[in-house]
mmCIF file of all heavy atoms, coordinates in Angstrom:
data_MODEL
# 
_entry.id   MODEL 
# 
loop_
_atom_site.group_PDB 
_atom_site.id 
_atom_site.type_symbol 
_atom_site.label_atom_id 
_atom_site.label_alt_id 
_atom_site.label_comp_id 
_atom_site.label_asym_id 
_atom_site.label_entity_id 
_atom_site.label_seq_id 
_atom_site.pdbx_PDB_ins_code 
_atom_site.Cartn_x 
_atom_site.Cartn_y 
_atom_site.Cartn_z 
_atom_site.occupancy 
_atom_site.B_iso_or_equiv 
_atom_site.pdbx_formal_charge 
_atom_site.auth_seq_id 
_atom_site.auth_comp_id 
_atom_site.auth_asym_id 
_atom_site.auth_atom_id 
_atom_site.pdbx_PDB_model_num 
ATOM 1   N N   . TYR A 1 1  ? 0.844  -1.190 -0.011  1.00 0.00 ? 1  TYR A N   1 
ATOM 2   C CA  . TYR A 1 1  ? 0.032  0.034  0.042   1.00 0.00 ? 1  TYR A CA  1 
ATOM 3   C C   . TYR A 1 1  ? 0.897  1.270  -0.015  1.00 0.00 ? 1  TYR A C   1 
ATOM 4   O O   . TYR A 1 1  ? 0.618  2.156  -0.737  1.00 0.00 ? 1  TYR A O   1 
ATOM 5   C CB  . TYR A 1 1  ? -0.945 0.031  1.208   1.00 0.00 ? 1  TYR A CB  1 
ATOM 6   C CG  . TYR A 1 1  ? -1.802 1.243  1.272   1.00 0.00 ? 1  TYR A CG  1 
ATOM 7   C CD1 . TYR A 1 1  ? -3.049 1.225  0.661   1.00 0.00 ? 1  TYR A CD1 1 
ATOM 8   C CD2 . TYR A 1 1  ? -1.371 2.338  1.867   1.00 0.00 ? 1  TYR A CD2 1 
ATOM 9   C CE1 . TYR A 1 1  ? -3.852 2.336  0.731   1.00 0.00 ? 1  TYR A CE1 1 
ATOM 10  C CE2 . TYR A 1 1  ? -2.165 3.577  1.857   1.00 0.00 ? 1  TYR A CE2 1 
ATOM 11  C CZ  . TYR A 1 1  ? -3.385 3.538  1.306   1.00 0.00 ? 1  TYR A CZ  1 
ATOM 12  O OH  . TYR A 1 1  ? -4.132 4.680  1.311   1.00 0.00 ? 1  TYR A OH  1 
ATOM 13  N N   . ALA A 1 2  ? 1.882  1.278  0.795   1.00 0.00 ? 2  ALA A N   1 
ATOM 14  C CA  . ALA A 1 2  ? 2.681  2.505  0.949   1.00 0.00 ? 2  ALA A CA  1 
ATOM 15  C C   . ALA A 1 2  ? 3.419  2.778  -0.363  1.00 0.00 ? 2  ALA A C   1 
ATOM 16  O O   . ALA A 1 2  ? 3.563  3.928  -0.808  1.00 0.00 ? 2  ALA A O   1 
ATOM 17  C CB  . ALA A 1 2  ? 3.751  2.376  2.063   1.00 0.00 ? 2  ALA A CB  1 
ATOM 18  N N   . GLY A 1 3  ? 3.964  1.726  -0.917  1.00 0.00 ? 3  GLY A N   1 
ATOM 19  C CA  . GLY A 1 3  ? 4.639  1.931  -2.275  1.00 0.00 ? 3  GLY A CA  1 
ATOM 20  C C   . GLY A 1 3  ? 3.770  2.395  -3.301  1.00 0.00 ? 3  GLY A C   1 
ATOM 21  O O   . GLY A 1 3  ? 4.095  3.297  -4.030  1.00 0.00 ? 3  GLY A O   1 
ATOM 22  N N   . ALA A 1 4  ? 2.598  1.844  -3.435  1.00 0.00 ? 4  ALA A N   1 
ATOM 23  C CA  . ALA A 1 4  ? 1.677  2.261  -4.494  1.00 0.00 ? 4  ALA A CA  1 
ATOM 24  C C   . ALA A 1 4  ? 1.098  3.681  -4.234  1.00 0.00 ? 4  ALA A C   1 
ATOM 25  O O   . ALA A 1 4  ? 0.932  4.461  -5.198  1.00 0.00 ? 4  ALA A O   1 
ATOM 26  C CB  . ALA A 1 4  ? 0.412  1.301  -4.553  1.00 0.00 ? 4  ALA A CB  1 
ATOM 27  N N   . PHE A 1 5  ? 0.924  4.109  -2.977  1.00 0.00 ? 5  PHE A N   1 
ATOM 28  C CA  . PHE A 1 5  ? 0.504  5.391  -2.687  1.00 0.00 ? 5  PHE A CA  1 
ATOM 29  C C   . PHE A 1 5  ? 1.574  6.411  -3.118  1.00 0.00 ? 5  PHE A C   1 
ATOM 30  O O   . PHE A 1 5  ? 1.219  7.449  -3.690  1.00 0.00 ? 5  PHE A O   1 
ATOM 31  C CB  . PHE A 1 5  ? 0.228  5.516  -1.244  1.00 0.00 ? 5  PHE A CB  1 
ATOM 32  C CG  . PHE A 1 5  ? -0.488 6.729  -0.851  1.00 0.00 ? 5  PHE A CG  1 
ATOM 33  C CD1 . PHE A 1 5  ? -1.870 6.801  -0.718  1.00 0.00 ? 5  PHE A CD1 1 
ATOM 34  C CD2 . PHE A 1 5  ? 0.193  7.994  -0.641  1.00 0.00 ? 5  PHE A CD2 1 
ATOM 35  C CE1 . PHE A 1 5  ? -2.592 7.981  -0.259  1.00 0.00 ? 5  PHE A CE1 1 
ATOM 36  C CE2 . PHE A 1 5  ? -0.454 9.138  -0.257  1.00 0.00 ? 5  PHE A CE2 1 
ATOM 37  C CZ  . PHE A 1 5  ? -1.854 9.211  -0.177  1.00 0.00 ? 5  PHE A CZ  1 
ATOM 38  N N   . ALA A 1 6  ? 2.759  6.156  -2.763  1.00 0.00 ? 6  ALA A N   1 
ATOM 39  C CA  . ALA A 1 6  ? 3.860  7.043  -3.124  1.00 0.00 ? 6  ALA A CA  1 
ATOM 40  C C   . ALA A 1 6  ? 4.003  7.224  -4.710  1.00 0.00 ? 6  ALA A C   1 
ATOM 41  O O   . ALA A 1 6  ? 4.092  8.306  -5.182  1.00 0.00 ? 6  ALA A O   1 
ATOM 42  C CB  . ALA A 1 6  ? 5.165  6.582  -2.622  1.00 0.00 ? 6  ALA A CB  1 
ATOM 43  N N   . ILE A 1 7  ? 3.863  6.113  -5.421  1.00 0.00 ? 7  ILE A N   1 
ATOM 44  C CA  . ILE A 1 7  ? 4.004  6.171  -6.891  1.00 0.00 ? 7  ILE A CA  1 
ATOM 45  C C   . ILE A 1 7  ? 2.766  6.905  -7.443  1.00 0.00 ? 7  ILE A C   1 
ATOM 46  O O   . ILE A 1 7  ? 2.906  7.748  -8.328  1.00 0.00 ? 7  ILE A O   1 
ATOM 47  C CB  . ILE A 1 7  ? 3.935  4.740  -7.450  1.00 0.00 ? 7  ILE A CB  1 
ATOM 48  C CG1 . ILE A 1 7  ? 5.300  4.002  -7.001  1.00 0.00 ? 7  ILE A CG1 1 
ATOM 49  C CG2 . ILE A 1 7  ? 3.902  4.774  -8.959  1.00 0.00 ? 7  ILE A CG2 1 
ATOM 50  C CD1 . ILE A 1 7  ? 5.334  2.590  -7.365  1.00 0.00 ? 7  ILE A CD1 1 
ATOM 51  N N   . GLY A 1 8  ? 1.551  6.614  -6.979  1.00 0.00 ? 8  GLY A N   1 
ATOM 52  C CA  . GLY A 1 8  ? 0.403  7.322  -7.427  1.00 0.00 ? 8  GLY A CA  1 
ATOM 53  C C   . GLY A 1 8  ? 0.367  8.806  -7.214  1.00 0.00 ? 8  GLY A C   1 
ATOM 54  O O   . GLY A 1 8  ? 0.041  9.621  -8.038  1.00 0.00 ? 8  GLY A O   1 
ATOM 55  N N   . TYR A 1 9  ? 0.802  9.187  -6.020  1.00 0.00 ? 9  TYR A N   1 
ATOM 56  C CA  . TYR A 1 9  ? 0.864  10.582 -5.656  1.00 0.00 ? 9  TYR A CA  1 
ATOM 57  C C   . TYR A 1 9  ? 1.870  11.363 -6.502  1.00 0.00 ? 9  TYR A C   1 
ATOM 58  O O   . TYR A 1 9  ? 1.584  12.427 -7.035  1.00 0.00 ? 9  TYR A O   1 
ATOM 59  C CB  . TYR A 1 9  ? 1.119  10.805 -4.181  1.00 0.00 ? 9  TYR A CB  1 
ATOM 60  C CG  . TYR A 1 9  ? 0.974  12.151 -3.763  1.00 0.00 ? 9  TYR A CG  1 
ATOM 61  C CD1 . TYR A 1 9  ? -0.322 12.707 -3.442  1.00 0.00 ? 9  TYR A CD1 1 
ATOM 62  C CD2 . TYR A 1 9  ? 1.998  13.097 -3.533  1.00 0.00 ? 9  TYR A CD2 1 
ATOM 63  C CE1 . TYR A 1 9  ? -0.557 14.022 -3.048  1.00 0.00 ? 9  TYR A CE1 1 
ATOM 64  C CE2 . TYR A 1 9  ? 1.769  14.376 -3.085  1.00 0.00 ? 9  TYR A CE2 1 
ATOM 65  C CZ  . TYR A 1 9  ? 0.521  14.790 -2.884  1.00 0.00 ? 9  TYR A CZ  1 
ATOM 66  O OH  . TYR A 1 9  ? 0.291  16.151 -2.473  1.00 0.00 ? 9  TYR A OH  1 
ATOM 67  N N   . THR A 1 10 ? 3.006  10.662 -6.749  1.00 0.00 ? 10 THR A N   1 
ATOM 68  C CA  . THR A 1 10 ? 4.030  11.316 -7.677  1.00 0.00 ? 10 THR A CA  1 
ATOM 69  C C   . THR A 1 10 ? 3.520  11.474 -9.025  1.00 0.00 ? 10 THR A C   1 
ATOM 70  O O   . THR A 1 10 ? 3.692  12.556 -9.602  1.00 0.00 ? 10 THR A O   1 
ATOM 71  C CB  . THR A 1 10 ? 5.291  10.367 -7.675  1.00 0.00 ? 10 THR A CB  1 
ATOM 72  O OG1 . THR A 1 10 ? 5.796  10.293 -6.271  1.00 0.00 ? 10 THR A OG1 1 
ATOM 73  C CG2 . THR A 1 10 ? 6.360  11.012 -8.551  1.00 0.00 ? 10 THR A CG2 1 
ATOM 74  N N   . ALA A 1 11 ? 2.915  10.477 -9.591  1.00 0.00 ? 11 ALA A N   1 
ATOM 75  C CA  . ALA A 1 11 ? 2.373  10.612 -10.899 1.00 0.00 ? 11 ALA A CA  1 
ATOM 76  C C   . ALA A 1 11 ? 1.253  11.687 -10.932 1.00 0.00 ? 11 ALA A C   1 
ATOM 77  O O   . ALA A 1 11 ? 1.158  12.494 -11.954 1.00 0.00 ? 11 ALA A O   1 
ATOM 78  C CB  . ALA A 1 11 ? 1.645  9.303  -11.355 1.00 0.00 ? 11 ALA A CB  1 
ATOM 79  N N   . GLY A 1 12 ? 0.452  11.824 -9.923  1.00 0.00 ? 12 GLY A N   1 
ATOM 80  C CA  . GLY A 1 12 ? -0.612 12.844 -9.874  1.00 0.00 ? 12 GLY A CA  1 
ATOM 81  C C   . GLY A 1 12 ? -0.060 14.197 -9.822  1.00 0.00 ? 12 GLY A C   1 
ATOM 82  O O   . GLY A 1 12 ? -0.578 15.156 -10.489 1.00 0.00 ? 12 GLY A O   1 
ATOM 83  N N   . ARG A 1 13 ? 1.097  14.419 -9.152  1.00 0.00 ? 13 ARG A N   1 
ATOM 84  C CA  . ARG A 1 13 ? 1.599  15.731 -8.940  1.00 0.00 ? 13 ARG A CA  1 
ATOM 85  C C   . ARG A 1 13 ? 2.350  16.126 -10.336 1.00 0.00 ? 13 ARG A C   1 
ATOM 86  O O   . ARG A 1 13 ? 2.498  17.447 -10.551 1.00 0.00 ? 13 ARG A O   1 
ATOM 87  C CB  . ARG A 1 13 ? 2.636  15.707 -7.847  1.00 0.00 ? 13 ARG A CB  1 
ATOM 88  C CG  . ARG A 1 13 ? 2.015  15.520 -6.456  1.00 0.00 ? 13 ARG A CG  1 
ATOM 89  C CD  . ARG A 1 13 ? 1.019  16.604 -6.127  1.00 0.00 ? 13 ARG A CD  1 
ATOM 90  N NE  . ARG A 1 13 ? 1.617  17.907 -5.864  1.00 0.00 ? 13 ARG A NE  1 
ATOM 91  C CZ  . ARG A 1 13 ? 0.932  19.007 -5.701  1.00 0.00 ? 13 ARG A CZ  1 
ATOM 92  N NH1 . ARG A 1 13 ? -0.336 19.000 -5.605  1.00 0.00 ? 13 ARG A NH1 1 
ATOM 93  N NH2 . ARG A 1 13 ? 1.615  20.180 -5.443  1.00 0.00 ? 13 ARG A NH2 1 
ATOM 94  N N   . VAL A 1 14 ? 2.783  15.235 -11.095 1.00 0.00 ? 14 VAL A N   1 
ATOM 95  C CA  . VAL A 1 14 ? 3.394  15.547 -12.381 1.00 0.00 ? 14 VAL A CA  1 
ATOM 96  C C   . VAL A 1 14 ? 2.316  16.209 -13.292 1.00 0.00 ? 14 VAL A C   1 
ATOM 97  O O   . VAL A 1 14 ? 2.685  17.163 -14.014 1.00 0.00 ? 14 VAL A O   1 
ATOM 98  C CB  . VAL A 1 14 ? 3.960  14.307 -13.063 1.00 0.00 ? 14 VAL A CB  1 
ATOM 99  C CG1 . VAL A 1 14 ? 4.451  14.692 -14.523 1.00 0.00 ? 14 VAL A CG1 1 
ATOM 100 C CG2 . VAL A 1 14 ? 5.201  13.786 -12.249 1.00 0.00 ? 14 VAL A CG2 1 
ATOM 101 N N   . GLY A 1 15 ? 1.082  15.744 -13.219 1.00 0.00 ? 15 GLY A N   1 
ATOM 102 C CA  . GLY A 1 15 ? 0.103  16.413 -14.075 1.00 0.00 ? 15 GLY A CA  1 
ATOM 103 C C   . GLY A 1 15 ? -1.042 15.434 -14.390 1.00 0.00 ? 15 GLY A C   1 
ATOM 104 O O   . GLY A 1 15 ? -0.846 14.137 -14.263 1.00 0.00 ? 15 GLY A O   1 
ATOM 105 N N   . ASP A 1 16 ? -2.198 15.925 -14.681 1.00 0.00 ? 16 ASP A N   1 
ATOM 106 C CA  . ASP A 1 16 ? -3.393 15.037 -14.846 1.00 0.00 ? 16 ASP A CA  1 
ATOM 107 C C   . ASP A 1 16 ? -3.204 14.076 -16.091 1.00 0.00 ? 16 ASP A C   1 
ATOM 108 O O   . ASP A 1 16 ? -3.634 12.970 -16.000 1.00 0.00 ? 16 ASP A O   1 
ATOM 109 C CB  . ASP A 1 16 ? -4.635 15.868 -15.001 1.00 0.00 ? 16 ASP A CB  1 
ATOM 110 C CG  . ASP A 1 16 ? -5.114 16.572 -13.757 1.00 0.00 ? 16 ASP A CG  1 
ATOM 111 O OD1 . ASP A 1 16 ? -4.719 16.068 -12.700 1.00 0.00 ? 16 ASP A OD1 1 
ATOM 112 O OD2 . ASP A 1 16 ? -5.810 17.566 -13.777 1.00 0.00 ? 16 ASP A OD2 1 
ATOM 113 N N   . LYS A 1 17 ? -2.690 14.564 -17.190 1.00 0.00 ? 17 LYS A N   1 
ATOM 114 C CA  . LYS A 1 17 ? -2.467 13.669 -18.254 1.00 0.00 ? 17 LYS A CA  1 
ATOM 115 C C   . LYS A 1 17 ? -1.567 12.485 -18.014 1.00 0.00 ? 17 LYS A C   1 
ATOM 116 O O   . LYS A 1 17 ? -1.761 11.388 -18.422 1.00 0.00 ? 17 LYS A O   1 
ATOM 117 C CB  . LYS A 1 17 ? -1.978 14.474 -19.501 1.00 0.00 ? 17 LYS A CB  1 
ATOM 118 C CG  . LYS A 1 17 ? -2.918 15.472 -20.160 1.00 0.00 ? 17 LYS A CG  1 
ATOM 119 C CD  . LYS A 1 17 ? -2.494 16.128 -21.344 1.00 0.00 ? 17 LYS A CD  1 
ATOM 120 C CE  . LYS A 1 17 ? -3.543 16.992 -21.907 1.00 0.00 ? 17 LYS A CE  1 
ATOM 121 N NZ  . LYS A 1 17 ? -4.725 16.347 -22.389 1.00 0.00 ? 17 LYS A NZ  1 
ATOM 122 N N   . VAL A 1 18 ? -0.497 12.831 -17.210 1.00 0.00 ? 18 VAL A N   1 
ATOM 123 C CA  . VAL A 1 18 ? 0.453  11.729 -16.783 1.00 0.00 ? 18 VAL A CA  1 
ATOM 124 C C   . VAL A 1 18 ? -0.300 10.758 -15.774 1.00 0.00 ? 18 VAL A C   1 
ATOM 125 O O   . VAL A 1 18 ? -0.136 9.633  -15.898 1.00 0.00 ? 18 VAL A O   1 
ATOM 126 C CB  . VAL A 1 18 ? 1.709  12.313 -16.183 1.00 0.00 ? 18 VAL A CB  1 
ATOM 127 C CG1 . VAL A 1 18 ? 2.591  11.188 -15.602 1.00 0.00 ? 18 VAL A CG1 1 
ATOM 128 C CG2 . VAL A 1 18 ? 2.524  13.047 -17.234 1.00 0.00 ? 18 VAL A CG2 1 
ATOM 129 N N   . SER A 1 19 ? -0.969 11.379 -14.860 1.00 0.00 ? 19 SER A N   1 
ATOM 130 C CA  . SER A 1 19 ? -1.755 10.604 -13.932 1.00 0.00 ? 19 SER A CA  1 
ATOM 131 C C   . SER A 1 19 ? -2.716 9.597  -14.676 1.00 0.00 ? 19 SER A C   1 
ATOM 132 O O   . SER A 1 19 ? -2.811 8.443  -14.270 1.00 0.00 ? 19 SER A O   1 
ATOM 133 C CB  . SER A 1 19 ? -2.507 11.447 -12.942 1.00 0.00 ? 19 SER A CB  1 
ATOM 134 O OG  . SER A 1 19 ? -3.030 10.750 -11.852 1.00 0.00 ? 19 SER A OG  1 
ATOM 135 N N   . LEU A 1 20 ? -3.484 10.183 -15.585 1.00 0.00 ? 20 LEU A N   1 
ATOM 136 C CA  . LEU A 1 20 ? -4.413 9.355  -16.317 1.00 0.00 ? 20 LEU A CA  1 
ATOM 137 C C   . LEU A 1 20 ? -3.730 8.336  -17.203 1.00 0.00 ? 20 LEU A C   1 
ATOM 138 O O   . LEU A 1 20 ? -4.205 7.091  -17.356 1.00 0.00 ? 20 LEU A O   1 
ATOM 139 C CB  . LEU A 1 20 ? -5.290 10.231 -17.209 1.00 0.00 ? 20 LEU A CB  1 
ATOM 140 C CG  . LEU A 1 20 ? -6.361 11.056 -16.453 1.00 0.00 ? 20 LEU A CG  1 
ATOM 141 C CD1 . LEU A 1 20 ? -6.901 12.128 -17.399 1.00 0.00 ? 20 LEU A CD1 1 
ATOM 142 C CD2 . LEU A 1 20 ? -7.499 10.155 -15.946 1.00 0.00 ? 20 LEU A CD2 1 
ATOM 143 N N   . GLY A 1 21 ? -2.522 8.678  -17.728 1.00 0.00 ? 21 GLY A N   1 
ATOM 144 C CA  . GLY A 1 21 ? -1.783 7.736  -18.511 1.00 0.00 ? 21 GLY A CA  1 
ATOM 145 C C   . GLY A 1 21 ? -1.235 6.590  -17.678 1.00 0.00 ? 21 GLY A C   1 
ATOM 146 O O   . GLY A 1 21 ? -1.214 5.471  -18.093 1.00 0.00 ? 21 GLY A O   1 
ATOM 147 N N   . PHE A 1 22 ? -0.848 6.946  -16.445 1.00 0.00 ? 22 PHE A N   1 
ATOM 148 C CA  . PHE A 1 22 ? -0.367 5.974  -15.452 1.00 0.00 ? 22 PHE A CA  1 
ATOM 149 C C   . PHE A 1 22 ? -1.507 5.032  -15.151 1.00 0.00 ? 22 PHE A C   1 
ATOM 150 O O   . PHE A 1 22 ? -1.365 3.784  -15.026 1.00 0.00 ? 22 PHE A O   1 
ATOM 151 C CB  . PHE A 1 22 ? 0.135  6.649  -14.214 1.00 0.00 ? 22 PHE A CB  1 
ATOM 152 C CG  . PHE A 1 22 ? 0.724  5.654  -13.144 1.00 0.00 ? 22 PHE A CG  1 
ATOM 153 C CD1 . PHE A 1 22 ? 1.978  5.073  -13.430 1.00 0.00 ? 22 PHE A CD1 1 
ATOM 154 C CD2 . PHE A 1 22 ? 0.003  5.268  -12.140 1.00 0.00 ? 22 PHE A CD2 1 
ATOM 155 C CE1 . PHE A 1 22 ? 2.471  4.206  -12.421 1.00 0.00 ? 22 PHE A CE1 1 
ATOM 156 C CE2 . PHE A 1 22 ? 0.508  4.413  -11.182 1.00 0.00 ? 22 PHE A CE2 1 
ATOM 157 C CZ  . PHE A 1 22 ? 1.722  3.891  -11.361 1.00 0.00 ? 22 PHE A CZ  1 
ATOM 158 N N   . MET A 1 23 ? -2.684 5.615  -14.948 1.00 0.00 ? 23 MET A N   1 
ATOM 159 C CA  . MET A 1 23 ? -3.865 4.721  -14.567 1.00 0.00 ? 23 MET A CA  1 
ATOM 160 C C   . MET A 1 23 ? -4.230 3.868  -15.791 1.00 0.00 ? 23 MET A C   1 
ATOM 161 O O   . MET A 1 23 ? -4.457 2.584  -15.609 1.00 0.00 ? 23 MET A O   1 
ATOM 162 C CB  . MET A 1 23 ? -5.129 5.699  -14.376 1.00 0.00 ? 23 MET A CB  1 
ATOM 163 C CG  . MET A 1 23 ? -6.440 4.999  -14.238 1.00 0.00 ? 23 MET A CG  1 
ATOM 164 S SD  . MET A 1 23 ? -7.759 6.202  -13.910 1.00 0.00 ? 23 MET A SD  1 
ATOM 165 C CE  . MET A 1 23 ? -9.161 5.112  -13.880 1.00 0.00 ? 23 MET A CE  1 
ATOM 166 N N   . ALA A 1 24 ? -4.199 4.333  -17.013 1.00 0.00 ? 24 ALA A N   1 
ATOM 167 C CA  . ALA A 1 24 ? -4.526 3.542  -18.163 1.00 0.00 ? 24 ALA A CA  1 
ATOM 168 C C   . ALA A 1 24 ? -3.427 2.412  -18.407 1.00 0.00 ? 24 ALA A C   1 
ATOM 169 O O   . ALA A 1 24 ? -3.892 1.186  -18.636 1.00 0.00 ? 24 ALA A O   1 
ATOM 170 C CB  . ALA A 1 24 ? -4.481 4.437  -19.399 1.00 0.00 ? 24 ALA A CB  1 
ATOM 171 N N   . GLU A 1 25 ? -2.176 2.679  -18.167 1.00 0.00 ? 25 GLU A N   1 
ATOM 172 C CA  . GLU A 1 25 ? -1.172 1.647  -18.382 1.00 0.00 ? 25 GLU A CA  1 
ATOM 173 C C   . GLU A 1 25 ? -1.243 0.638  -17.175 1.00 0.00 ? 25 GLU A C   1 
ATOM 174 O O   . GLU A 1 25 ? -1.085 -0.580 -17.501 1.00 0.00 ? 25 GLU A O   1 
ATOM 175 C CB  . GLU A 1 25 ? 0.196  2.253  -18.293 1.00 0.00 ? 25 GLU A CB  1 
ATOM 176 C CG  . GLU A 1 25 ? 1.407  1.275  -18.535 1.00 0.00 ? 25 GLU A CG  1 
ATOM 177 C CD  . GLU A 1 25 ? 1.335  0.477  -19.711 1.00 0.00 ? 25 GLU A CD  1 
ATOM 178 O OE1 . GLU A 1 25 ? 0.713  0.876  -20.721 1.00 0.00 ? 25 GLU A OE1 1 
ATOM 179 O OE2 . GLU A 1 25 ? 1.931  -0.670 -19.800 1.00 0.00 ? 25 GLU A OE2 1 
ATOM 180 N N   . THR A 1 26 ? -1.536 1.055  -15.949 1.00 0.00 ? 26 THR A N   1 
ATOM 181 C CA  . THR A 1 26 ? -1.723 0.111  -14.816 1.00 0.00 ? 26 THR A CA  1 
ATOM 182 C C   . THR A 1 26 ? -2.838 -0.879 -15.166 1.00 0.00 ? 26 THR A C   1 
ATOM 183 O O   . THR A 1 26 ? -2.713 -2.081 -14.949 1.00 0.00 ? 26 THR A O   1 
ATOM 184 C CB  . THR A 1 26 ? -1.946 0.868  -13.558 1.00 0.00 ? 26 THR A CB  1 
ATOM 185 O OG1 . THR A 1 26 ? -0.834 1.715  -13.236 1.00 0.00 ? 26 THR A OG1 1 
ATOM 186 C CG2 . THR A 1 26 ? -2.236 -0.101 -12.430 1.00 0.00 ? 26 THR A CG2 1 
ATOM 187 N N   . GLU A 1 27 ? -3.940 -0.262 -15.548 1.00 0.00 ? 27 GLU A N   1 
ATOM 188 C CA  . GLU A 1 27 ? -5.126 -1.104 -15.868 1.00 0.00 ? 27 GLU A CA  1 
ATOM 189 C C   . GLU A 1 27 ? -4.913 -2.041 -17.041 1.00 0.00 ? 27 GLU A C   1 
ATOM 190 O O   . GLU A 1 27 ? -5.367 -3.164 -17.084 1.00 0.00 ? 27 GLU A O   1 
ATOM 191 C CB  . GLU A 1 27 ? -6.308 -0.260 -16.105 1.00 0.00 ? 27 GLU A CB  1 
ATOM 192 C CG  . GLU A 1 27 ? -6.829 0.659  -14.934 1.00 0.00 ? 27 GLU A CG  1 
ATOM 193 C CD  . GLU A 1 27 ? -7.262 -0.141 -13.683 1.00 0.00 ? 27 GLU A CD  1 
ATOM 194 O OE1 . GLU A 1 27 ? -6.978 -1.397 -13.644 1.00 0.00 ? 27 GLU A OE1 1 
ATOM 195 O OE2 . GLU A 1 27 ? -8.057 0.391  -12.889 1.00 0.00 ? 27 GLU A OE2 1 
ATOM 196 N N   . ARG A 1 28 ? -4.115 -1.591 -18.019 1.00 0.00 ? 28 ARG A N   1 
ATOM 197 C CA  . ARG A 1 28 ? -3.812 -2.461 -19.209 1.00 0.00 ? 28 ARG A CA  1 
ATOM 198 C C   . ARG A 1 28 ? -2.974 -3.695 -18.746 1.00 0.00 ? 28 ARG A C   1 
ATOM 199 O O   . ARG A 1 28 ? -3.263 -4.796 -19.098 1.00 0.00 ? 28 ARG A O   1 
ATOM 200 C CB  . ARG A 1 28 ? -3.089 -1.697 -20.318 1.00 0.00 ? 28 ARG A CB  1 
ATOM 201 C CG  . ARG A 1 28 ? -2.780 -2.477 -21.518 1.00 0.00 ? 28 ARG A CG  1 
ATOM 202 C CD  . ARG A 1 28 ? -1.950 -1.725 -22.485 1.00 0.00 ? 28 ARG A CD  1 
ATOM 203 N NE  . ARG A 1 28 ? -0.521 -1.525 -21.981 1.00 0.00 ? 28 ARG A NE  1 
ATOM 204 C CZ  . ARG A 1 28 ? 0.309  -2.586 -22.126 1.00 0.00 ? 28 ARG A CZ  1 
ATOM 205 N NH1 . ARG A 1 28 ? 0.045  -3.693 -22.709 1.00 0.00 ? 28 ARG A NH1 1 
ATOM 206 N NH2 . ARG A 1 28 ? 1.579  -2.336 -21.623 1.00 0.00 ? 28 ARG A NH2 1 
ATOM 207 N N   . GLN A 1 29 ? -1.988 -3.467 -17.857 1.00 0.00 ? 29 GLN A N   1 
ATOM 208 C CA  . GLN A 1 29 ? -1.214 -4.483 -17.405 1.00 0.00 ? 29 GLN A CA  1 
ATOM 209 C C   . GLN A 1 29 ? -1.985 -5.413 -16.438 1.00 0.00 ? 29 GLN A C   1 
ATOM 210 O O   . GLN A 1 29 ? -1.771 -6.649 -16.551 1.00 0.00 ? 29 GLN A O   1 
ATOM 211 C CB  . GLN A 1 29 ? 0.038  -3.921 -16.665 1.00 0.00 ? 29 GLN A CB  1 
ATOM 212 C CG  . GLN A 1 29 ? 0.992  -3.184 -17.578 1.00 0.00 ? 29 GLN A CG  1 
ATOM 213 C CD  . GLN A 1 29 ? 2.334  -2.841 -16.905 1.00 0.00 ? 29 GLN A CD  1 
ATOM 214 O OE1 . GLN A 1 29 ? 2.663  -3.345 -15.842 1.00 0.00 ? 29 GLN A OE1 1 
ATOM 215 N NE2 . GLN A 1 29 ? 3.025  -1.890 -17.517 1.00 0.00 ? 29 GLN A NE2 1 
# 
């Protein structure tokens, strides 16, 4: 949980398009 939270928050702070891209790639995998 801690690792995933840190990764998700970092992606979110980079920007919404990156955050959504991270979500899309995660769900694809």
